[in-house]
N, C-alpha and C. Protein backbone atom coordinates (compact mmCIF):
# COMPACT_ATOMS: atom_id res chain seq x y z
N UNK A 1 -3.01 -19.60 -5.72
CA UNK A 1 -2.77 -18.27 -5.15
C UNK A 1 -3.88 -17.34 -5.62
N UNK A 2 -4.45 -16.63 -4.66
CA UNK A 2 -5.53 -15.70 -4.96
C UNK A 2 -5.23 -14.36 -4.28
N UNK A 3 -4.51 -13.50 -4.98
CA UNK A 3 -4.13 -12.20 -4.43
C UNK A 3 -5.36 -11.33 -4.23
N UNK A 4 -5.48 -10.74 -3.06
CA UNK A 4 -6.57 -9.80 -2.79
C UNK A 4 -6.05 -8.38 -2.96
N UNK A 5 -6.70 -7.65 -3.85
CA UNK A 5 -6.30 -6.29 -4.17
C UNK A 5 -6.48 -5.37 -2.96
N UNK A 6 -5.54 -4.46 -2.77
CA UNK A 6 -5.53 -3.48 -1.67
C UNK A 6 -5.51 -4.13 -0.30
N UNK A 7 -5.13 -5.39 -0.24
CA UNK A 7 -5.12 -6.08 1.04
C UNK A 7 -3.82 -6.84 1.26
N UNK A 8 -3.43 -7.66 0.27
CA UNK A 8 -2.26 -8.52 0.42
C UNK A 8 -0.96 -7.75 0.18
N UNK A 9 0.10 -8.21 0.84
CA UNK A 9 1.43 -7.64 0.67
C UNK A 9 2.34 -8.67 0.01
N UNK A 10 3.30 -8.16 -0.74
CA UNK A 10 4.29 -8.99 -1.43
C UNK A 10 5.66 -8.49 -1.00
N UNK A 11 6.54 -9.42 -0.61
CA UNK A 11 7.87 -9.05 -0.15
C UNK A 11 8.91 -9.59 -1.12
N UNK A 12 9.84 -8.72 -1.53
CA UNK A 12 10.91 -9.19 -2.42
C UNK A 12 12.08 -9.70 -1.58
N UNK A 13 13.13 -10.16 -2.28
CA UNK A 13 14.26 -10.79 -1.60
C UNK A 13 15.07 -9.82 -0.76
N UNK A 14 14.83 -8.51 -0.92
CA UNK A 14 15.55 -7.51 -0.11
C UNK A 14 14.71 -6.94 1.02
N UNK A 15 13.51 -7.45 1.18
CA UNK A 15 12.66 -6.99 2.27
C UNK A 15 11.76 -5.83 1.90
N UNK A 16 11.74 -5.43 0.63
CA UNK A 16 10.82 -4.37 0.21
C UNK A 16 9.41 -4.93 0.15
N UNK A 17 8.45 -4.14 0.58
CA UNK A 17 7.06 -4.58 0.58
C UNK A 17 6.28 -3.85 -0.50
N UNK A 18 5.39 -4.58 -1.15
CA UNK A 18 4.54 -4.03 -2.21
C UNK A 18 3.09 -4.37 -1.91
N UNK A 19 2.20 -3.51 -2.36
CA UNK A 19 0.77 -3.76 -2.23
C UNK A 19 0.22 -4.02 -3.62
N UNK A 20 -0.60 -5.05 -3.75
CA UNK A 20 -1.30 -5.35 -5.00
C UNK A 20 -2.45 -4.35 -5.13
N UNK A 21 -2.47 -3.60 -6.24
CA UNK A 21 -3.50 -2.57 -6.37
C UNK A 21 -4.42 -2.77 -7.57
N UNK A 22 -4.05 -3.69 -8.46
CA UNK A 22 -4.95 -3.96 -9.59
C UNK A 22 -4.60 -5.31 -10.20
N UNK A 23 -5.62 -6.03 -10.64
CA UNK A 23 -5.43 -7.29 -11.34
C UNK A 23 -6.34 -7.28 -12.56
N UNK A 24 -5.73 -7.35 -13.74
CA UNK A 24 -6.47 -7.44 -14.99
C UNK A 24 -5.95 -8.63 -15.75
N UNK A 25 -6.79 -9.65 -15.89
CA UNK A 25 -6.33 -10.89 -16.51
C UNK A 25 -5.25 -11.49 -15.66
N UNK A 26 -4.07 -11.67 -16.24
CA UNK A 26 -2.94 -12.23 -15.51
C UNK A 26 -1.92 -11.17 -15.10
N UNK A 27 -2.25 -9.88 -15.33
CA UNK A 27 -1.31 -8.80 -15.01
C UNK A 27 -1.66 -8.21 -13.64
N UNK A 28 -0.73 -8.37 -12.72
CA UNK A 28 -0.90 -7.86 -11.36
C UNK A 28 -0.07 -6.58 -11.23
N UNK A 29 -0.73 -5.49 -10.90
CA UNK A 29 -0.02 -4.21 -10.72
C UNK A 29 0.22 -4.01 -9.23
N UNK A 30 1.47 -3.70 -8.90
CA UNK A 30 1.87 -3.49 -7.50
C UNK A 30 2.61 -2.16 -7.38
N UNK A 31 2.60 -1.63 -6.15
CA UNK A 31 3.32 -0.41 -5.84
C UNK A 31 3.97 -0.60 -4.47
N UNK A 32 5.05 0.09 -4.24
CA UNK A 32 5.71 0.06 -2.95
C UNK A 32 4.67 0.35 -1.86
N UNK A 33 4.62 -0.49 -0.83
CA UNK A 33 3.59 -0.37 0.21
C UNK A 33 3.69 0.95 0.97
N UNK A 34 4.90 1.45 1.19
CA UNK A 34 5.06 2.73 1.88
C UNK A 34 4.50 3.87 1.04
N UNK A 35 4.78 3.83 -0.26
CA UNK A 35 4.25 4.86 -1.17
C UNK A 35 2.72 4.82 -1.15
N UNK A 36 2.15 3.62 -1.23
CA UNK A 36 0.69 3.48 -1.22
C UNK A 36 0.12 4.00 0.10
N UNK A 37 0.74 3.65 1.21
CA UNK A 37 0.24 4.08 2.52
C UNK A 37 0.31 5.58 2.69
N UNK A 38 1.30 6.20 2.08
CA UNK A 38 1.44 7.66 2.22
C UNK A 38 0.35 8.41 1.47
N UNK A 39 -0.37 7.72 0.58
CA UNK A 39 -1.49 8.34 -0.13
C UNK A 39 -2.84 7.80 0.34
N UNK A 40 -2.85 7.01 1.39
CA UNK A 40 -4.10 6.42 1.89
C UNK A 40 -4.88 7.38 2.77
N UNK A 41 -4.18 8.12 3.60
CA UNK A 41 -4.83 9.03 4.54
C UNK A 41 -4.66 10.48 4.09
N UNK A 42 -5.69 11.26 4.29
CA UNK A 42 -5.62 12.70 3.99
C UNK A 42 -5.56 13.43 5.33
N UNK A 43 -4.51 14.19 5.52
CA UNK A 43 -4.36 14.96 6.75
C UNK A 43 -4.99 16.33 6.56
N UNK A 44 -5.76 16.74 7.53
CA UNK A 44 -6.39 18.05 7.48
C UNK A 44 -5.70 18.98 8.47
N UNK A 45 -5.26 20.12 7.98
CA UNK A 45 -4.53 21.07 8.80
C UNK A 45 -5.40 22.25 9.24
N UNK A 46 -6.68 22.18 8.97
CA UNK A 46 -7.54 23.33 9.25
C UNK A 46 -8.15 23.33 10.64
N UNK A 47 -7.85 22.38 11.47
CA UNK A 47 -8.40 22.34 12.82
C UNK A 47 -7.27 22.58 13.81
N UNK A 48 -7.49 23.44 14.77
CA UNK A 48 -6.43 23.78 15.70
C UNK A 48 -6.09 22.62 16.64
N UNK A 49 -7.05 21.76 16.93
CA UNK A 49 -6.79 20.63 17.82
C UNK A 49 -7.06 19.32 17.09
N UNK A 50 -6.47 19.14 15.95
CA UNK A 50 -6.67 17.95 15.14
C UNK A 50 -6.00 16.76 15.80
N UNK A 51 -6.78 15.80 16.29
CA UNK A 51 -6.25 14.63 16.99
C UNK A 51 -5.38 13.78 16.07
N UNK A 52 -5.76 13.71 14.81
CA UNK A 52 -5.01 12.91 13.85
C UNK A 52 -3.57 13.42 13.74
N UNK A 53 -3.41 14.72 13.68
CA UNK A 53 -2.08 15.31 13.58
C UNK A 53 -1.37 15.33 14.93
N UNK A 54 -2.12 15.53 15.99
CA UNK A 54 -1.51 15.62 17.32
C UNK A 54 -0.75 14.33 17.67
N UNK A 55 -1.25 13.19 17.20
CA UNK A 55 -0.59 11.92 17.48
C UNK A 55 0.79 11.84 16.82
N UNK A 56 1.02 12.64 15.80
CA UNK A 56 2.28 12.60 15.07
C UNK A 56 3.10 13.89 15.23
N UNK A 57 2.70 14.73 16.14
CA UNK A 57 3.45 15.97 16.36
C UNK A 57 4.87 15.64 16.80
N UNK A 58 5.83 16.29 16.17
CA UNK A 58 7.23 16.07 16.51
C UNK A 58 7.84 14.85 15.85
N UNK A 59 7.09 14.16 15.02
CA UNK A 59 7.58 12.95 14.34
C UNK A 59 7.98 13.30 12.90
N UNK A 60 8.66 12.36 12.26
CA UNK A 60 9.01 12.52 10.85
C UNK A 60 7.75 12.47 9.99
N UNK A 61 7.81 13.08 8.82
CA UNK A 61 6.66 13.11 7.90
C UNK A 61 6.19 11.69 7.57
N UNK A 62 7.10 10.75 7.39
CA UNK A 62 6.75 9.39 6.99
C UNK A 62 6.28 8.49 8.11
N UNK A 63 6.23 8.97 9.34
CA UNK A 63 5.88 8.13 10.49
C UNK A 63 4.49 7.52 10.36
N UNK A 64 3.52 8.30 9.95
CA UNK A 64 2.16 7.78 9.85
C UNK A 64 2.08 6.68 8.79
N UNK A 65 2.67 6.89 7.62
CA UNK A 65 2.66 5.87 6.57
C UNK A 65 3.38 4.61 7.03
N UNK A 66 4.51 4.77 7.71
CA UNK A 66 5.24 3.60 8.19
C UNK A 66 4.43 2.83 9.23
N UNK A 67 3.69 3.53 10.08
CA UNK A 67 2.84 2.85 11.05
C UNK A 67 1.76 2.02 10.34
N UNK A 68 1.22 2.55 9.25
CA UNK A 68 0.21 1.82 8.47
C UNK A 68 0.82 0.55 7.88
N UNK A 69 2.00 0.67 7.27
CA UNK A 69 2.66 -0.48 6.65
C UNK A 69 3.04 -1.51 7.71
N UNK A 70 3.57 -1.07 8.84
CA UNK A 70 3.94 -1.99 9.92
C UNK A 70 2.72 -2.77 10.40
N UNK A 71 1.61 -2.08 10.60
CA UNK A 71 0.37 -2.72 11.02
C UNK A 71 -0.08 -3.77 9.99
N UNK A 72 -0.11 -3.37 8.71
CA UNK A 72 -0.54 -4.29 7.65
C UNK A 72 0.39 -5.49 7.54
N UNK A 73 1.69 -5.29 7.72
CA UNK A 73 2.67 -6.37 7.64
C UNK A 73 2.46 -7.38 8.77
N UNK A 74 2.31 -6.90 9.98
CA UNK A 74 2.09 -7.79 11.13
C UNK A 74 0.80 -8.58 10.94
N UNK A 75 -0.27 -7.91 10.50
CA UNK A 75 -1.53 -8.60 10.30
C UNK A 75 -1.42 -9.62 9.16
N UNK A 76 -0.67 -9.31 8.10
CA UNK A 76 -0.48 -10.24 6.99
C UNK A 76 0.33 -11.46 7.43
N UNK A 77 1.34 -11.24 8.26
CA UNK A 77 2.14 -12.35 8.79
C UNK A 77 1.26 -13.33 9.56
N UNK A 78 0.32 -12.80 10.30
CA UNK A 78 -0.58 -13.62 11.11
C UNK A 78 -1.82 -14.06 10.34
N UNK A 79 -1.92 -13.61 9.06
CA UNK A 79 -3.07 -13.87 8.20
C UNK A 79 -4.37 -13.46 8.87
N UNK A 80 -4.33 -12.35 9.60
CA UNK A 80 -5.52 -11.81 10.27
C UNK A 80 -6.32 -10.94 9.32
N UNK A 81 -5.63 -10.22 8.46
CA UNK A 81 -6.30 -9.34 7.50
C UNK A 81 -5.35 -9.20 6.31
N UNK A 82 -5.49 -10.07 5.36
CA UNK A 82 -4.58 -10.12 4.23
C UNK A 82 -3.50 -11.16 4.45
N UNK A 83 -2.71 -11.35 3.42
CA UNK A 83 -1.64 -12.35 3.48
C UNK A 83 -0.34 -11.74 2.96
N UNK A 84 0.76 -12.42 3.26
CA UNK A 84 2.07 -12.00 2.79
C UNK A 84 2.59 -13.06 1.84
N UNK A 85 2.95 -12.64 0.63
CA UNK A 85 3.52 -13.54 -0.37
C UNK A 85 4.93 -13.10 -0.70
N UNK A 86 5.75 -14.03 -1.19
CA UNK A 86 7.06 -13.65 -1.70
C UNK A 86 6.89 -13.26 -3.16
N UNK A 87 7.70 -12.31 -3.59
CA UNK A 87 7.65 -11.88 -4.99
C UNK A 87 7.96 -13.05 -5.91
N UNK A 88 8.88 -13.89 -5.51
CA UNK A 88 9.25 -15.05 -6.32
C UNK A 88 8.04 -15.96 -6.56
N UNK A 89 7.24 -16.22 -5.54
CA UNK A 89 6.04 -17.06 -5.70
C UNK A 89 4.98 -16.36 -6.55
N UNK A 90 4.81 -15.07 -6.35
CA UNK A 90 3.81 -14.32 -7.11
C UNK A 90 4.15 -14.31 -8.59
N UNK A 91 5.44 -14.16 -8.92
CA UNK A 91 5.86 -14.11 -10.32
C UNK A 91 5.70 -15.46 -11.03
N UNK A 92 5.51 -16.52 -10.29
CA UNK A 92 5.22 -17.82 -10.90
C UNK A 92 3.78 -17.89 -11.42
N UNK A 93 2.92 -17.05 -10.86
CA UNK A 93 1.49 -17.09 -11.20
C UNK A 93 1.06 -15.88 -12.03
N UNK A 94 1.63 -14.72 -11.75
CA UNK A 94 1.20 -13.48 -12.39
C UNK A 94 2.35 -12.80 -13.14
N UNK A 95 1.99 -12.02 -14.15
CA UNK A 95 2.93 -11.08 -14.75
C UNK A 95 2.84 -9.83 -13.90
N UNK A 96 3.91 -9.48 -13.23
CA UNK A 96 3.88 -8.38 -12.27
C UNK A 96 4.32 -7.08 -12.94
N UNK A 97 3.50 -6.06 -12.78
CA UNK A 97 3.76 -4.72 -13.31
C UNK A 97 4.00 -3.81 -12.11
N UNK A 98 5.22 -3.28 -12.00
CA UNK A 98 5.56 -2.38 -10.91
C UNK A 98 5.31 -0.94 -11.34
N UNK A 99 4.63 -0.17 -10.50
CA UNK A 99 4.51 1.25 -10.77
C UNK A 99 5.30 1.98 -9.69
N UNK A 100 5.82 3.13 -10.04
CA UNK A 100 6.67 3.88 -9.11
C UNK A 100 5.88 4.81 -8.22
N UNK A 101 4.86 5.44 -8.77
CA UNK A 101 4.14 6.47 -8.03
C UNK A 101 2.63 6.21 -8.07
N UNK A 102 2.04 5.94 -6.94
CA UNK A 102 0.60 5.71 -6.86
C UNK A 102 -0.16 6.97 -7.25
N UNK A 103 0.43 8.13 -7.04
CA UNK A 103 -0.21 9.41 -7.34
C UNK A 103 -0.63 9.49 -8.80
N UNK A 104 0.13 8.86 -9.69
CA UNK A 104 -0.15 8.95 -11.11
C UNK A 104 -0.92 7.75 -11.64
N UNK A 105 -1.21 6.78 -10.80
CA UNK A 105 -1.91 5.57 -11.23
C UNK A 105 -3.39 5.71 -10.95
N UNK A 106 -4.19 5.53 -11.95
CA UNK A 106 -5.64 5.63 -11.80
C UNK A 106 -6.30 4.37 -12.32
N UNK A 107 -6.65 3.42 -11.44
CA UNK A 107 -7.37 2.23 -11.92
C UNK A 107 -8.67 2.65 -12.59
N UNK A 108 -9.14 1.81 -13.49
CA UNK A 108 -10.38 2.11 -14.20
C UNK A 108 -11.50 2.40 -13.20
N UNK A 109 -12.24 3.48 -13.45
CA UNK A 109 -13.34 3.86 -12.58
C UNK A 109 -12.94 4.73 -11.42
N UNK A 110 -11.65 4.95 -11.21
CA UNK A 110 -11.18 5.80 -10.12
C UNK A 110 -10.92 7.19 -10.65
N UNK A 111 -11.54 8.18 -10.08
CA UNK A 111 -11.36 9.55 -10.54
C UNK A 111 -10.35 10.28 -9.67
N UNK A 112 -9.60 11.15 -10.30
CA UNK A 112 -8.67 12.00 -9.60
C UNK A 112 -9.45 13.11 -8.91
N UNK A 113 -8.89 13.66 -7.84
CA UNK A 113 -9.54 14.78 -7.17
C UNK A 113 -9.54 16.02 -8.07
N UNK A 114 -8.67 16.03 -9.09
CA UNK A 114 -8.56 17.19 -9.98
C UNK A 114 -9.44 17.06 -11.22
N UNK A 115 -10.08 15.90 -11.44
CA UNK A 115 -10.89 15.70 -12.65
C UNK A 115 -12.20 16.43 -12.56
């Protein structure tokens, strides 16, 4: 098993999806895929005709992040861009570290916008 960081998805027995975001030695750090997706795109509200926002007008706040996760899940199922692993299989190979909030996680070399 060769987990690709920021690409592969891991599914637990309840259907929750996680994204692998860091691997150090045998410790694999994962975060809920929806949480990760909600911090992947930056929405800009300063343009009156912002196409990015117009596509989601009238939708729930989480719609864009869910669309990202759905896309990544379908592609992982087809092994077109990333793969889908079960948590049970991943835990046989790696020590899995779950983080709750991607906002507070800073992999080495990654700077915060506030630093």
